[in-house]
C-alpha atoms as a PDB file:
ATOM      1  CA  UNK A   1       0.569  -2.738  -5.364  1.00  0.00           C
ATOM      2  CA  UNK A   2       0.362   0.984  -4.559  1.00  0.00           C
ATOM      3  CA  UNK A   3      -0.289   0.339  -0.984  1.00  0.00           C
ATOM      4  CA  UNK A   4       2.537  -2.123  -0.610  1.00  0.00           C
ATOM      5  CA  UNK A   5       4.852   0.371  -2.241  1.00  0.00           C
ATOM      6  CA  UNK A   6       3.819   3.070   0.281  1.00  0.00           C
ATOM      7  CA  UNK A   7       4.364   0.726   3.038  1.00  0.00           C
ATOM      8  CA  UNK A   8       7.864  -0.322   1.934  1.00  0.00           C
ATOM      9  CA  UNK A   9       8.833   3.251   1.451  1.00  0.00           C
ATOM     10  CA  UNK A  10       7.554   4.248   4.771  1.00  0.00           C
ATOM     11  CA  UNK A  11       9.601   1.313   6.380  1.00  0.00           C
ATOM     12  CA  UNK A  12      12.703   2.343   4.425  1.00  0.00           C
ATOM     13  CA  UNK A  13      12.531   5.918   5.637  1.00  0.00           C
ATOM     14  CA  UNK A  14      11.703   4.926   9.264  1.00  0.00           C
ATOM     15  CA  UNK A  15      14.632   2.539   9.347  1.00  0.00           C
ATOM     16  CA  UNK A  16      16.823   5.142   7.924  1.00  0.00           C
ATOM     17  CA  UNK A  17      16.013   7.525  10.669  1.00  0.00           C
ATOM     18  CA  UNK A  18      16.344   4.768  13.256  1.00  0.00           C
ATOM     19  CA  UNK A  19      19.881   4.014  12.250  1.00  0.00           C
ATOM     20  CA  UNK A  20      20.788   7.628  12.601  1.00  0.00           C
ATOM     21  CA  UNK A  21      19.024   7.916  15.852  1.00  0.00           C
ATOM     22  CA  UNK A  22      20.699   4.815  17.049  1.00  0.00           C
ATOM     23  CA  UNK A  23      24.118   6.214  16.458  1.00  0.00           C
ATOM     24  CA  UNK A  24      23.273   9.108  18.806  1.00  0.00           C
ATOM     25  CA  UNK A  25      22.023   6.720  21.310  1.00  0.00           C
ATOM     26  CA  UNK A  26      25.304   4.690  21.107  1.00  0.00           C
ATOM     27  CA  UNK A  27      27.118   8.085  21.712  1.00  0.00           C
ATOM     28  CA  UNK A  28      25.430   8.425  25.036  1.00  0.00           C
ATOM     29  CA  UNK A  29      22.733  10.878  24.046  1.00  0.00           C
ATOM     30  CA  UNK A  30      19.644   9.950  25.888  1.00  0.00           C
ATOM     31  CA  UNK A  31      17.031  12.270  24.285  1.00  0.00           C
ATOM     32  CA  UNK A  32      13.635  10.526  24.168  1.00  0.00           C
ATOM     33  CA  UNK A  33      13.256  11.754  20.480  1.00  0.00           C
ATOM     34  CA  UNK A  34      15.959   9.270  19.445  1.00  0.00           C
ATOM     35  CA  UNK A  35      14.466   6.362  21.464  1.00  0.00           C
ATOM     36  CA  UNK A  36      11.075   7.234  19.826  1.00  0.00           C
ATOM     37  CA  UNK A  37      12.629   6.994  16.293  1.00  0.00           C
ATOM     38  CA  UNK A  38      14.081   3.477  17.088  1.00  0.00           C
ATOM     39  CA  UNK A  39      10.740   2.314  18.705  1.00  0.00           C
ATOM     40  CA  UNK A  40       8.602   3.555  15.938  1.00  0.00           C
ATOM     41  CA  UNK A  41      10.662   1.834  13.212  1.00  0.00           C
ATOM     42  CA  UNK A  42      10.596  -1.442  15.349  1.00  0.00           C
ATOM     43  CA  UNK A  43       6.863  -1.129  15.688  1.00  0.00           C
ATOM     44  CA  UNK A  44       6.152  -0.509  11.972  1.00  0.00           C
ATOM     45  CA  UNK A  45       8.353  -3.390  10.736  1.00  0.00           C
ATOM     46  CA  UNK A  46       6.903  -5.709  13.309  1.00  0.00           C
ATOM     47  CA  UNK A  47       3.264  -4.850  12.839  1.00  0.00           C
ATOM     48  CA  UNK A  48       2.720  -3.318   9.421  1.00  0.00           C
ATOM     49  CA  UNK A  49       5.208  -5.182   7.197  1.00  0.00           C
ATOM     50  CA  UNK A  50       3.688  -8.537   7.823  1.00  0.00           C
ATOM     51  CA  UNK A  51       0.419  -7.232   6.557  1.00  0.00           C
ATOM     52  CA  UNK A  52       2.127  -5.820   3.556  1.00  0.00           C
ATOM     53  CA  UNK A  53       3.733  -9.157   2.828  1.00  0.00           C
ATOM     54  CA  UNK A  54       0.182 -10.812   2.893  1.00  0.00           C
ATOM     55  CA  UNK A  55      -1.048  -8.122   0.471  1.00  0.00           C
ATOM     56  CA  UNK A  56       1.859  -8.713  -1.801  1.00  0.00           C
ATOM     57  CA  UNK A  57       0.786 -12.428  -1.989  1.00  0.00           C
ATOM     58  CA  UNK A  58      -2.663 -11.401  -2.993  1.00  0.00           C
ATOM     59  CA  UNK A  59      -1.275  -9.398  -5.852  1.00  0.00           C
ATOM     60  CA  UNK A  60       0.864 -12.057  -7.171  1.00  0.00           C
ATOM     61  CA  UNK A  61      -1.468 -15.023  -6.887  1.00  0.00           C
ATOM     62  CA  UNK A  62      -2.140 -17.016 -10.059  1.00  0.00           C
ATOM     63  CA  UNK A  63      -5.994 -17.365  -9.926  1.00  0.00           C
ATOM     64  CA  UNK A  64      -7.800 -15.494 -12.528  1.00  0.00           C
ATOM     65  CA  UNK A  65     -11.443 -15.400 -11.349  1.00  0.00           C
ATOM     66  CA  UNK A  66     -11.910 -11.761 -12.046  1.00  0.00           C
ATOM     67  CA  UNK A  67     -10.930 -12.258 -15.631  1.00  0.00           C
ATOM     68  CA  UNK A  68     -12.730 -15.474 -16.327  1.00  0.00           C
ATOM     69  CA  UNK A  69     -16.095 -14.667 -14.619  1.00  0.00           C
ATOM     70  CA  UNK A  70     -18.820 -14.905 -17.347  1.00  0.00           C
ATOM     71  CA  UNK A  71     -20.740 -11.730 -18.004  1.00  0.00           C
ATOM     72  CA  UNK A  72     -24.128 -13.520 -17.098  1.00  0.00           C
ATOM     73  CA  UNK A  73     -22.743 -13.948 -13.458  1.00  0.00           C
ATOM     74  CA  UNK A  74     -23.426 -10.245 -12.832  1.00  0.00           C
END
């Protein structure tokens, strides 16, 4: 869960910066820095967040193998 929280927090901050950068781009400023902010947020959301969603599914599954395994199995 901690990894998921970190990924979601990073996406939130990257998207926040991308929104601000996009405003500057809409005003006609063509600084590559602003383009980079938008592209980085797009990449992170497209590539990293799907893995985060898969990780969340493993955290919320209902199987209890870890709890139910007998001591003799070790």
